[in-house]
All heavy atoms as atom14 arrays in JSON, in Angstrom:
{
  "sequence": "ITKHLHVMEKAGLVKSVRHGRERLWQMDQHRVHQAQRYLKQISSQW",
  "atom14_mask": [
    [1, 1, 1, 1, 1, 1, 1, 1, 0, 0, 0, 0, 0, 0],
    [1, 1, 1, 1, 1, 1, 1, 0, 0, 0, 0, 0, 0, 0],
    [1, 1, 1, 1, 1, 1, 1, 1, 1, 0, 0, 0, 0, 0],
    [1, 1, 1, 1, 1, 1, 1, 1, 1, 1, 0, 0, 0, 0],
    [1, 1, 1, 1, 1, 1, 1, 1, 0, 0, 0, 0, 0, 0],
    [1, 1, 1, 1, 1, 1, 1, 1, 1, 1, 0, 0, 0, 0],
    [1, 1, 1, 1, 1, 1, 1, 0, 0, 0, 0, 0, 0, 0],
    [1, 1, 1, 1, 1, 1, 1, 1, 0, 0, 0, 0, 0, 0],
    [1, 1, 1, 1, 1, 1, 1, 1, 1, 0, 0, 0, 0, 0],
    [1, 1, 1, 1, 1, 1, 1, 1, 1, 0, 0, 0, 0, 0],
    [1, 1, 1, 1, 1, 0, 0, 0, 0, 0, 0, 0, 0, 0],
    [1, 1, 1, 1, 0, 0, 0, 0, 0, 0, 0, 0, 0, 0],
    [1, 1, 1, 1, 1, 1, 1, 1, 0, 0, 0, 0, 0, 0],
    [1, 1, 1, 1, 1, 1, 1, 0, 0, 0, 0, 0, 0, 0],
    [1, 1, 1, 1, 1, 1, 1, 1, 1, 0, 0, 0, 0, 0],
    [1, 1, 1, 1, 1, 1, 0, 0, 0, 0, 0, 0, 0, 0],
    [1, 1, 1, 1, 1, 1, 1, 0, 0, 0, 0, 0, 0, 0],
    [1, 1, 1, 1, 1, 1, 1, 1, 1, 1, 1, 0, 0, 0],
    [1, 1, 1, 1, 1, 1, 1, 1, 1, 1, 0, 0, 0, 0],
    [1, 1, 1, 1, 0, 0, 0, 0, 0, 0, 0, 0, 0, 0],
    [1, 1, 1, 1, 1, 1, 1, 1, 1, 1, 1, 0, 0, 0],
    [1, 1, 1, 1, 1, 1, 1, 1, 1, 0, 0, 0, 0, 0],
    [1, 1, 1, 1, 1, 1, 1, 1, 1, 1, 1, 0, 0, 0],
    [1, 1, 1, 1, 1, 1, 1, 1, 0, 0, 0, 0, 0, 0],
    [1, 1, 1, 1, 1, 1, 1, 1, 1, 1, 1, 1, 1, 1],
    [1, 1, 1, 1, 1, 1, 1, 1, 1, 0, 0, 0, 0, 0],
    [1, 1, 1, 1, 1, 1, 1, 1, 0, 0, 0, 0, 0, 0],
    [1, 1, 1, 1, 1, 1, 1, 1, 0, 0, 0, 0, 0, 0],
    [1, 1, 1, 1, 1, 1, 1, 1, 1, 0, 0, 0, 0, 0],
    [1, 1, 1, 1, 1, 1, 1, 1, 1, 1, 0, 0, 0, 0],
    [1, 1, 1, 1, 1, 1, 1, 1, 1, 1, 1, 0, 0, 0],
    [1, 1, 1, 1, 1, 1, 1, 0, 0, 0, 0, 0, 0, 0],
    [1, 1, 1, 1, 1, 1, 1, 1, 1, 1, 0, 0, 0, 0],
    [1, 1, 1, 1, 1, 1, 1, 1, 1, 0, 0, 0, 0, 0],
    [1, 1, 1, 1, 1, 0, 0, 0, 0, 0, 0, 0, 0, 0],
    [1, 1, 1, 1, 1, 1, 1, 1, 1, 0, 0, 0, 0, 0],
    [1, 1, 1, 1, 1, 1, 1, 1, 1, 1, 1, 0, 0, 0],
    [1, 1, 1, 1, 1, 1, 1, 1, 1, 1, 1, 1, 0, 0],
    [1, 1, 1, 1, 1, 1, 1, 1, 0, 0, 0, 0, 0, 0],
    [1, 1, 1, 1, 1, 1, 1, 1, 1, 0, 0, 0, 0, 0],
    [1, 1, 1, 1, 1, 1, 1, 1, 1, 0, 0, 0, 0, 0],
    [1, 1, 1, 1, 1, 1, 1, 1, 0, 0, 0, 0, 0, 0],
    [1, 1, 1, 1, 1, 1, 0, 0, 0, 0, 0, 0, 0, 0],
    [1, 1, 1, 1, 1, 1, 0, 0, 0, 0, 0, 0, 0, 0],
    [1, 1, 1, 1, 1, 1, 1, 1, 1, 0, 0, 0, 0, 0],
    [1, 1, 1, 1, 1, 1, 1, 1, 1, 1, 1, 1, 1, 1]
  ],
  "atom14_positions": [
    [[0.84, -1.2, 0.0], [0.0, 0.0, 0.0], [0.87, 1.25, 0.0], [0.6, 2.21, -0.72], [-0.97, -0.02, 1.2], [-2.03, -1.11, 0.97], [-1.62, 1.34, 1.4], [-2.94, -1.36, 2.14], [0.0, 0.0, 0.0], [0.0, 0.0, 0.0], [0.0, 0.0, 0.0], [0.0, 0.0, 0.0], [0.0, 0.0, 0.0], [0.0, 0.0, 0.0]],
    [[1.94, 1.23, 0.79], [2.85, 2.38, 0.84], [3.45, 2.66, -0.53], [3.5, 3.81, -0.97], [3.98, 2.12, 1.87], [3.38, 1.93, 3.16], [4.94, 3.29, 1.93], [0.0, 0.0, 0.0], [0.0, 0.0, 0.0], [0.0, 0.0, 0.0], [0.0, 0.0, 0.0], [0.0, 0.0, 0.0], [0.0, 0.0, 0.0], [0.0, 0.0, 0.0]],
    [[3.89, 1.62, -1.23], [4.47, 1.8, -2.57], [3.44, 2.42, -3.51], [3.75, 3.34, -4.27], [4.96, 0.47, -3.14], [6.22, -0.02, -2.5], [6.67, -1.33, -3.13], [7.92, -1.86, -2.46], [8.39, -3.11, -3.08], [0.0, 0.0, 0.0], [0.0, 0.0, 0.0], [0.0, 0.0, 0.0], [0.0, 0.0, 0.0], [0.0, 0.0, 0.0]],
    [[2.21, 1.92, -3.46], [1.16, 2.47, -4.32], [0.87, 3.93, -3.98], [0.7, 4.76, -4.87], [-0.12, 1.64, -4.19], [-0.08, 0.37, -4.96], [0.49, -0.78, -4.46], [-0.53, 0.05, -6.19], [0.38, -1.74, -5.34], [-0.23, -1.27, -6.41], [0.0, 0.0, 0.0], [0.0, 0.0, 0.0], [0.0, 0.0, 0.0], [0.0, 0.0, 0.0]],
    [[0.83, 4.24, -2.7], [0.56, 5.61, -2.29], [1.66, 6.56, -2.76], [1.37, 7.7, -3.16], [0.39, 5.7, -0.77], [-0.93, 5.13, -0.24], [-0.89, 5.04, 1.28], [-2.11, 5.97, -0.7], [0.0, 0.0, 0.0], [0.0, 0.0, 0.0], [0.0, 0.0, 0.0], [0.0, 0.0, 0.0], [0.0, 0.0, 0.0], [0.0, 0.0, 0.0]],
    [[2.9, 6.12, -2.73], [3.99, 6.99, -3.19], [3.88, 7.26, -4.69], [4.13, 8.39, -5.14], [5.35, 6.39, -2.82], [5.69, 6.55, -1.37], [5.99, 7.77, -0.8], [5.75, 5.65, -0.38], [6.22, 7.61, 0.49], [6.08, 6.32, 0.77], [0.0, 0.0, 0.0], [0.0, 0.0, 0.0], [0.0, 0.0, 0.0], [0.0, 0.0, 0.0]],
    [[3.49, 6.26, -5.45], [3.28, 6.45, -6.89], [2.12, 7.42, -7.11], [2.22, 8.35, -7.93], [3.01, 5.11, -7.61], [2.55, 5.33, -9.03], [4.25, 4.23, -7.56], [0.0, 0.0, 0.0], [0.0, 0.0, 0.0], [0.0, 0.0, 0.0], [0.0, 0.0, 0.0], [0.0, 0.0, 0.0], [0.0, 0.0, 0.0], [0.0, 0.0, 0.0]],
    [[1.04, 7.22, -6.37], [-0.12, 8.1, -6.5], [0.21, 9.53, -6.05], [-0.29, 10.49, -6.62], [-1.29, 7.54, -5.7], [-1.83, 6.24, -6.28], [-3.04, 5.42, -5.21], [-4.37, 6.61, -5.19], [0.0, 0.0, 0.0], [0.0, 0.0, 0.0], [0.0, 0.0, 0.0], [0.0, 0.0, 0.0], [0.0, 0.0, 0.0], [0.0, 0.0, 0.0]],
    [[1.08, 9.66, -5.06], [1.49, 10.99, -4.59], [2.29, 11.71, -5.69], [2.08, 12.9, -5.94], [2.32, 10.87, -3.32], [2.66, 12.21, -2.69], [3.35, 12.05, -1.35], [4.21, 11.16, -1.21], [3.03, 12.85, -0.45], [0.0, 0.0, 0.0], [0.0, 0.0, 0.0], [0.0, 0.0, 0.0], [0.0, 0.0, 0.0], [0.0, 0.0, 0.0]],
    [[3.18, 10.98, -6.36], [3.94, 11.58, -7.47], [3.02, 12.03, -8.59], [3.31, 13.02, -9.27], [4.98, 10.6, -8.0], [6.15, 10.4, -7.08], [7.16, 9.43, -7.66], [8.29, 9.17, -6.69], [9.24, 8.18, -7.19], [0.0, 0.0, 0.0], [0.0, 0.0, 0.0], [0.0, 0.0, 0.0], [0.0, 0.0, 0.0], [0.0, 0.0, 0.0]],
    [[1.91, 11.31, -8.77], [0.94, 11.67, -9.81], [0.0, 12.78, -9.35], [-0.8, 13.27, -10.13], [0.14, 10.44, -10.21], [0.0, 0.0, 0.0], [0.0, 0.0, 0.0], [0.0, 0.0, 0.0], [0.0, 0.0, 0.0], [0.0, 0.0, 0.0], [0.0, 0.0, 0.0], [0.0, 0.0, 0.0], [0.0, 0.0, 0.0], [0.0, 0.0, 0.0]],
    [[0.09, 13.15, -8.07], [-0.76, 14.23, -7.56], [-2.15, 13.77, -7.16], [-3.04, 14.6, -6.97], [0.0, 0.0, 0.0], [0.0, 0.0, 0.0], [0.0, 0.0, 0.0], [0.0, 0.0, 0.0], [0.0, 0.0, 0.0], [0.0, 0.0, 0.0], [0.0, 0.0, 0.0], [0.0, 0.0, 0.0], [0.0, 0.0, 0.0], [0.0, 0.0, 0.0]],
    [[-2.36, 12.46, -7.02], [-3.69, 11.96, -6.68], [-3.94, 11.88, -5.18], [-5.09, 11.89, -4.74], [-3.9, 10.58, -7.31], [-3.81, 10.53, -8.84], [-3.89, 9.1, -9.33], [-4.89, 11.39, -9.46], [0.0, 0.0, 0.0], [0.0, 0.0, 0.0], [0.0, 0.0, 0.0], [0.0, 0.0, 0.0], [0.0, 0.0, 0.0], [0.0, 0.0, 0.0]],
    [[-2.87, 11.79, -4.4], [-3.0, 11.77, -2.94], [-1.95, 12.7, -2.35], [-0.95, 13.03, -3.0], [-2.84, 10.35, -2.34], [-3.93, 9.42, -2.81], [-1.47, 9.78, -2.62], [0.0, 0.0, 0.0], [0.0, 0.0, 0.0], [0.0, 0.0, 0.0], [0.0, 0.0, 0.0], [0.0, 0.0, 0.0], [0.0, 0.0, 0.0], [0.0, 0.0, 0.0]],
    [[-2.2, 13.1, -1.11], [-1.25, 13.94, -0.37], [-1.0, 13.26, 0.97], [-1.87, 12.58, 1.5], [-1.85, 15.32, -0.11], [-2.18, 16.1, -1.35], [-2.89, 17.39, -0.99], [-3.35, 18.09, -2.25], [-4.18, 19.26, -1.96], [0.0, 0.0, 0.0], [0.0, 0.0, 0.0], [0.0, 0.0, 0.0], [0.0, 0.0, 0.0], [0.0, 0.0, 0.0]],
    [[0.19, 13.47, 1.5], [0.48, 12.93, 2.82], [0.95, 14.05, 3.74], [1.52, 15.05, 3.31], [1.55, 11.84, 2.74], [2.79, 12.38, 2.36], [0.0, 0.0, 0.0], [0.0, 0.0, 0.0], [0.0, 0.0, 0.0], [0.0, 0.0, 0.0], [0.0, 0.0, 0.0], [0.0, 0.0, 0.0], [0.0, 0.0, 0.0], [0.0, 0.0, 0.0]],
    [[0.69, 13.83, 5.03], [1.06, 14.79, 6.06], [1.55, 14.01, 7.27], [0.96, 12.98, 7.61], [-0.18, 15.66, 6.41], [-0.28, 15.99, 7.86], [-0.24, 16.88, 5.58], [0.0, 0.0, 0.0], [0.0, 0.0, 0.0], [0.0, 0.0, 0.0], [0.0, 0.0, 0.0], [0.0, 0.0, 0.0], [0.0, 0.0, 0.0], [0.0, 0.0, 0.0]],
    [[2.62, 14.46, 7.85], [3.12, 13.82, 9.07], [2.28, 14.28, 10.25], [2.01, 15.45, 10.43], [4.57, 14.23, 9.3], [5.51, 13.3, 8.63], [6.46, 12.72, 9.7], [7.41, 11.84, 9.07], [7.29, 10.51, 9.08], [6.28, 9.95, 9.69], [8.18, 9.77, 8.5], [0.0, 0.0, 0.0], [0.0, 0.0, 0.0], [0.0, 0.0, 0.0]],
    [[1.86, 13.31, 11.04], [1.11, 13.6, 12.25], [1.75, 12.77, 13.36], [1.43, 11.6, 13.53], [-0.35, 13.22, 12.07], [-1.25, 13.65, 13.18], [-0.93, 13.52, 14.51], [-2.47, 14.23, 13.16], [-1.91, 13.98, 15.24], [-2.86, 14.41, 14.46], [0.0, 0.0, 0.0], [0.0, 0.0, 0.0], [0.0, 0.0, 0.0], [0.0, 0.0, 0.0]],
    [[2.69, 13.38, 14.07], [3.46, 12.65, 15.07], [4.36, 11.63, 14.37], [5.12, 11.98, 13.48], [0.0, 0.0, 0.0], [0.0, 0.0, 0.0], [0.0, 0.0, 0.0], [0.0, 0.0, 0.0], [0.0, 0.0, 0.0], [0.0, 0.0, 0.0], [0.0, 0.0, 0.0], [0.0, 0.0, 0.0], [0.0, 0.0, 0.0], [0.0, 0.0, 0.0]],
    [[4.22, 10.38, 14.75], [5.03, 9.31, 14.14], [4.35, 8.72, 12.91], [4.95, 7.92, 12.2], [5.27, 8.22, 15.17], [6.17, 8.69, 16.3], [6.36, 7.67, 17.36], [6.52, 6.31, 16.84], [6.61, 5.23, 17.58], [6.54, 5.35, 18.89], [6.75, 4.06, 17.04], [0.0, 0.0, 0.0], [0.0, 0.0, 0.0], [0.0, 0.0, 0.0]],
    [[3.12, 9.09, 12.67], [2.36, 8.55, 11.54], [2.37, 9.49, 10.35], [2.56, 10.7, 10.49], [0.89, 8.32, 11.92], [0.62, 7.12, 12.74], [-0.87, 6.89, 12.88], [-1.59, 7.87, 13.19], [-1.3, 5.76, 12.68], [0.0, 0.0, 0.0], [0.0, 0.0, 0.0], [0.0, 0.0, 0.0], [0.0, 0.0, 0.0], [0.0, 0.0, 0.0]],
    [[2.16, 8.92, 9.21], [1.92, 9.71, 8.01], [0.47, 9.45, 7.62], [0.06, 8.3, 7.45], [2.87, 9.28, 6.89], [2.74, 10.12, 5.65], [3.84, 9.86, 4.67], [5.14, 10.35, 5.13], [5.56, 11.61, 5.01], [4.79, 12.5, 4.44], [6.76, 11.95, 5.43], [0.0, 0.0, 0.0], [0.0, 0.0, 0.0], [0.0, 0.0, 0.0]],
    [[-0.3, 10.51, 7.5], [-1.71, 10.4, 7.13], [-1.86, 10.74, 5.65], [-1.25, 11.68, 5.15], [-2.56, 11.32, 7.99], [-2.48, 11.07, 9.49], [-3.33, 12.08, 10.23], [-2.9, 9.65, 9.83], [0.0, 0.0, 0.0], [0.0, 0.0, 0.0], [0.0, 0.0, 0.0], [0.0, 0.0, 0.0], [0.0, 0.0, 0.0], [0.0, 0.0, 0.0]],
    [[-2.7, 9.99, 4.98], [-2.89, 10.13, 3.53], [-4.3, 10.61, 3.24], [-5.25, 10.21, 3.88], [-2.64, 8.78, 2.86], [-1.22, 8.35, 2.98], [-0.67, 7.65, 4.01], [-0.16, 8.62, 2.07], [0.67, 7.46, 3.8], [1.0, 8.04, 2.61], [-0.08, 9.28, 0.85], [2.23, 8.11, 1.97], [1.14, 9.34, 0.21], [2.27, 8.76, 0.76]],
    [[-4.38, 11.48, 2.23], [-5.68, 12.01, 1.83], [-5.73, 12.07, 0.31], [-4.78, 12.5, -0.35], [-5.88, 13.42, 2.4], [-7.2, 14.02, 2.05], [-7.4, 15.38, 2.71], [-6.5, 15.9, 3.37], [-8.56, 15.94, 2.51], [0.0, 0.0, 0.0], [0.0, 0.0, 0.0], [0.0, 0.0, 0.0], [0.0, 0.0, 0.0], [0.0, 0.0, 0.0]],
    [[-6.86, 11.64, -0.23], [-7.06, 11.68, -1.67], [-7.37, 13.11, -2.11], [-8.12, 13.82, -1.44], [-8.23, 10.76, -2.05], [-8.55, 10.75, -3.51], [-9.86, 9.59, -3.94], [-11.27, 10.3, -3.13], [0.0, 0.0, 0.0], [0.0, 0.0, 0.0], [0.0, 0.0, 0.0], [0.0, 0.0, 0.0], [0.0, 0.0, 0.0], [0.0, 0.0, 0.0]],
    [[-6.77, 13.54, -3.22], [-7.09, 14.84, -3.8], [-8.22, 14.59, -4.8], [-8.0, 14.19, -5.94], [-5.86, 15.41, -4.51], [-6.1, 16.8, -5.05], [-7.27, 17.17, -5.32], [-5.11, 17.54, -5.24], [0.0, 0.0, 0.0], [0.0, 0.0, 0.0], [0.0, 0.0, 0.0], [0.0, 0.0, 0.0], [0.0, 0.0, 0.0], [0.0, 0.0, 0.0]],
    [[-9.45, 14.8, -4.34], [-10.63, 14.47, -5.15], [-10.66, 15.19, -6.49], [-11.07, 14.62, -7.49], [-11.9, 14.73, -4.36], [-12.07, 13.77, -3.22], [-13.39, 13.95, -2.5], [-14.24, 14.75, -2.89], [-13.59, 13.2, -1.44], [0.0, 0.0, 0.0], [0.0, 0.0, 0.0], [0.0, 0.0, 0.0], [0.0, 0.0, 0.0], [0.0, 0.0, 0.0]],
    [[-10.21, 16.43, -6.51], [-10.21, 17.19, -7.76], [-9.32, 16.5, -8.79], [-9.71, 16.32, -9.94], [-9.75, 18.63, -7.52], [-9.65, 19.44, -8.77], [-10.75, 19.84, -9.49], [-8.56, 19.89, -9.45], [-10.34, 20.51, -10.56], [-9.03, 20.56, -10.55], [0.0, 0.0, 0.0], [0.0, 0.0, 0.0], [0.0, 0.0, 0.0], [0.0, 0.0, 0.0]],
    [[-8.12, 16.1, -8.38], [-7.18, 15.44, -9.3], [-7.71, 14.07, -9.74], [-7.54, 13.66, -10.88], [-5.82, 15.3, -8.65], [-5.11, 16.61, -8.39], [-4.5, 17.16, -9.63], [-3.46, 16.22, -10.07], [-2.64, 16.44, -11.03], [-2.68, 17.57, -11.68], [-1.74, 15.55, -11.38], [0.0, 0.0, 0.0], [0.0, 0.0, 0.0], [0.0, 0.0, 0.0]],
    [[-8.35, 13.35, -8.81], [-8.91, 12.04, -9.16], [-10.03, 12.22, -10.18], [-10.11, 11.47, -11.16], [-9.41, 11.29, -7.91], [-10.2, 10.05, -8.28], [-8.23, 10.93, -7.01], [0.0, 0.0, 0.0], [0.0, 0.0, 0.0], [0.0, 0.0, 0.0], [0.0, 0.0, 0.0], [0.0, 0.0, 0.0], [0.0, 0.0, 0.0], [0.0, 0.0, 0.0]],
    [[-10.87, 13.23, -10.0], [-11.95, 13.48, -10.97], [-11.37, 13.88, -12.33], [-11.9, 13.48, -13.38], [-12.91, 14.54, -10.45], [-13.75, 14.07, -9.3], [-14.59, 12.98, -9.37], [-13.87, 14.53, -8.05], [-15.19, 12.8, -8.22], [-14.76, 13.73, -7.38], [0.0, 0.0, 0.0], [0.0, 0.0, 0.0], [0.0, 0.0, 0.0], [0.0, 0.0, 0.0]],
    [[-10.29, 14.66, -12.33], [-9.63, 15.0, -13.59], [-9.14, 13.73, -14.29], [-9.32, 13.58, -15.51], [-8.43, 15.92, -13.34], [-8.77, 17.35, -13.09], [-7.5, 18.17, -12.88], [-6.54, 17.73, -12.25], [-7.51, 19.39, -13.4], [0.0, 0.0, 0.0], [0.0, 0.0, 0.0], [0.0, 0.0, 0.0], [0.0, 0.0, 0.0], [0.0, 0.0, 0.0]],
    [[-8.54, 12.84, -13.54], [-8.03, 11.59, -14.11], [-9.18, 10.75, -14.65], [-9.08, 10.16, -15.73], [-7.24, 10.8, -13.06], [0.0, 0.0, 0.0], [0.0, 0.0, 0.0], [0.0, 0.0, 0.0], [0.0, 0.0, 0.0], [0.0, 0.0, 0.0], [0.0, 0.0, 0.0], [0.0, 0.0, 0.0], [0.0, 0.0, 0.0], [0.0, 0.0, 0.0]],
    [[-10.3, 10.7, -13.93], [-11.46, 9.95, -14.4], [-11.99, 10.5, -15.72], [-12.3, 9.74, -16.64], [-12.58, 9.98, -13.36], [-12.35, 9.09, -12.17], [-13.45, 9.23, -11.14], [-13.97, 10.32, -10.9], [-13.8, 8.12, -10.51], [0.0, 0.0, 0.0], [0.0, 0.0, 0.0], [0.0, 0.0, 0.0], [0.0, 0.0, 0.0], [0.0, 0.0, 0.0]],
    [[-12.09, 11.82, -15.8], [-12.58, 12.45, -17.04], [-11.64, 12.13, -18.21], [-12.09, 11.8, -19.31], [-12.72, 13.96, -16.86], [-13.95, 14.36, -16.08], [-14.23, 15.86, -16.16], [-13.13, 16.68, -15.68], [-12.97, 17.06, -14.42], [-13.82, 16.68, -13.51], [-11.95, 17.82, -14.07], [0.0, 0.0, 0.0], [0.0, 0.0, 0.0], [0.0, 0.0, 0.0]],
    [[-10.35, 12.19, -17.96], [-9.37, 11.91, -18.99], [-9.48, 10.45, -19.45], [-9.49, 10.16, -20.65], [-7.95, 12.2, -18.48], [-6.87, 11.84, -19.47], [-6.66, 12.61, -20.6], [-6.09, 10.7, -19.27], [-5.67, 12.27, -21.51], [-5.1, 10.37, -20.17], [-4.9, 11.14, -21.29], [-3.94, 10.8, -22.2], [0.0, 0.0, 0.0], [0.0, 0.0, 0.0]],
    [[-9.59, 9.53, -18.5], [-9.7, 8.12, -18.85], [-11.0, 7.81, -19.59], [-11.01, 6.99, -20.51], [-9.58, 7.24, -17.6], [-8.19, 7.24, -16.96], [-8.23, 6.5, -15.63], [-7.17, 6.61, -17.9], [0.0, 0.0, 0.0], [0.0, 0.0, 0.0], [0.0, 0.0, 0.0], [0.0, 0.0, 0.0], [0.0, 0.0, 0.0], [0.0, 0.0, 0.0]],
    [[-12.09, 8.49, -19.23], [-13.35, 8.32, -19.97], [-13.18, 8.79, -21.41], [-13.68, 8.17, -22.35], [-14.48, 9.1, -19.31], [-15.12, 8.39, -18.17], [-16.32, 9.19, -17.66], [-16.94, 8.52, -16.48], [-18.1, 9.28, -15.98], [0.0, 0.0, 0.0], [0.0, 0.0, 0.0], [0.0, 0.0, 0.0], [0.0, 0.0, 0.0], [0.0, 0.0, 0.0]],
    [[-12.49, 9.91, -21.59], [-12.25, 10.45, -22.93], [-11.43, 9.47, -23.75], [-11.78, 9.17, -24.9], [-11.53, 11.8, -22.83], [-11.21, 12.42, -24.15], [-10.39, 13.71, -23.98], [-10.08, 14.12, -22.88], [-10.05, 14.32, -25.09], [0.0, 0.0, 0.0], [0.0, 0.0, 0.0], [0.0, 0.0, 0.0], [0.0, 0.0, 0.0], [0.0, 0.0, 0.0]],
    [[-10.36, 8.94, -23.19], [-9.51, 7.98, -23.89], [-10.3, 6.71, -24.21], [-10.23, 6.17, -25.32], [-8.26, 7.63, -23.05], [-7.39, 8.86, -22.85], [-7.47, 6.49, -23.68], [-6.85, 9.46, -24.12], [0.0, 0.0, 0.0], [0.0, 0.0, 0.0], [0.0, 0.0, 0.0], [0.0, 0.0, 0.0], [0.0, 0.0, 0.0], [0.0, 0.0, 0.0]],
    [[-11.1, 6.25, -23.26], [-11.92, 5.05, -23.46], [-12.9, 5.26, -24.61], [-13.09, 4.38, -25.46], [-12.68, 4.72, -22.17], [-13.56, 3.65, -22.37], [0.0, 0.0, 0.0], [0.0, 0.0, 0.0], [0.0, 0.0, 0.0], [0.0, 0.0, 0.0], [0.0, 0.0, 0.0], [0.0, 0.0, 0.0], [0.0, 0.0, 0.0], [0.0, 0.0, 0.0]],
    [[-13.5, 6.42, -24.65], [-14.44, 6.76, -25.72], [-13.75, 6.77, -27.08], [-14.29, 6.26, -28.07], [-15.03, 8.13, -25.41], [-16.3, 8.24, -25.9], [0.0, 0.0, 0.0], [0.0, 0.0, 0.0], [0.0, 0.0, 0.0], [0.0, 0.0, 0.0], [0.0, 0.0, 0.0], [0.0, 0.0, 0.0], [0.0, 0.0, 0.0], [0.0, 0.0, 0.0]],
    [[-12.56, 7.33, -27.12], [-11.81, 7.37, -28.38], [-11.49, 5.95, -28.86], [-11.62, 5.64, -30.04], [-10.52, 8.17, -28.21], [-10.74, 9.65, -28.05], [-9.47, 10.41, -27.69], [-8.41, 9.82, -27.45], [-9.57, 11.73, -27.62], [0.0, 0.0, 0.0], [0.0, 0.0, 0.0], [0.0, 0.0, 0.0], [0.0, 0.0, 0.0], [0.0, 0.0, 0.0]],
    [[-11.09, 5.08, -27.94], [-10.78, 3.69, -28.29], [-12.04, 2.97, -28.75], [-12.0, 2.18, -29.7], [-10.14, 2.96, -27.12], [-8.66, 3.13, -27.1], [-7.93, 3.93, -26.28], [-7.72, 2.5, -27.98], [-6.59, 3.84, -26.58], [-6.44, 2.96, -27.62], [-7.83, 1.59, -29.03], [-5.29, 2.55, -28.27], [-6.68, 1.17, -29.68], [-5.43, 1.65, -29.3]]
  ]
}
């Protein structure tokens, strides 16, 4: 899960914040919706 989150963070889909000894992760809904729209467009073209 950590590896996947780091890839998603590089893509701008999630953000992380240190909270004490933990790192908390949050999805960037705007970026995820942008990605969904793009994938729908590509799917439609195919």
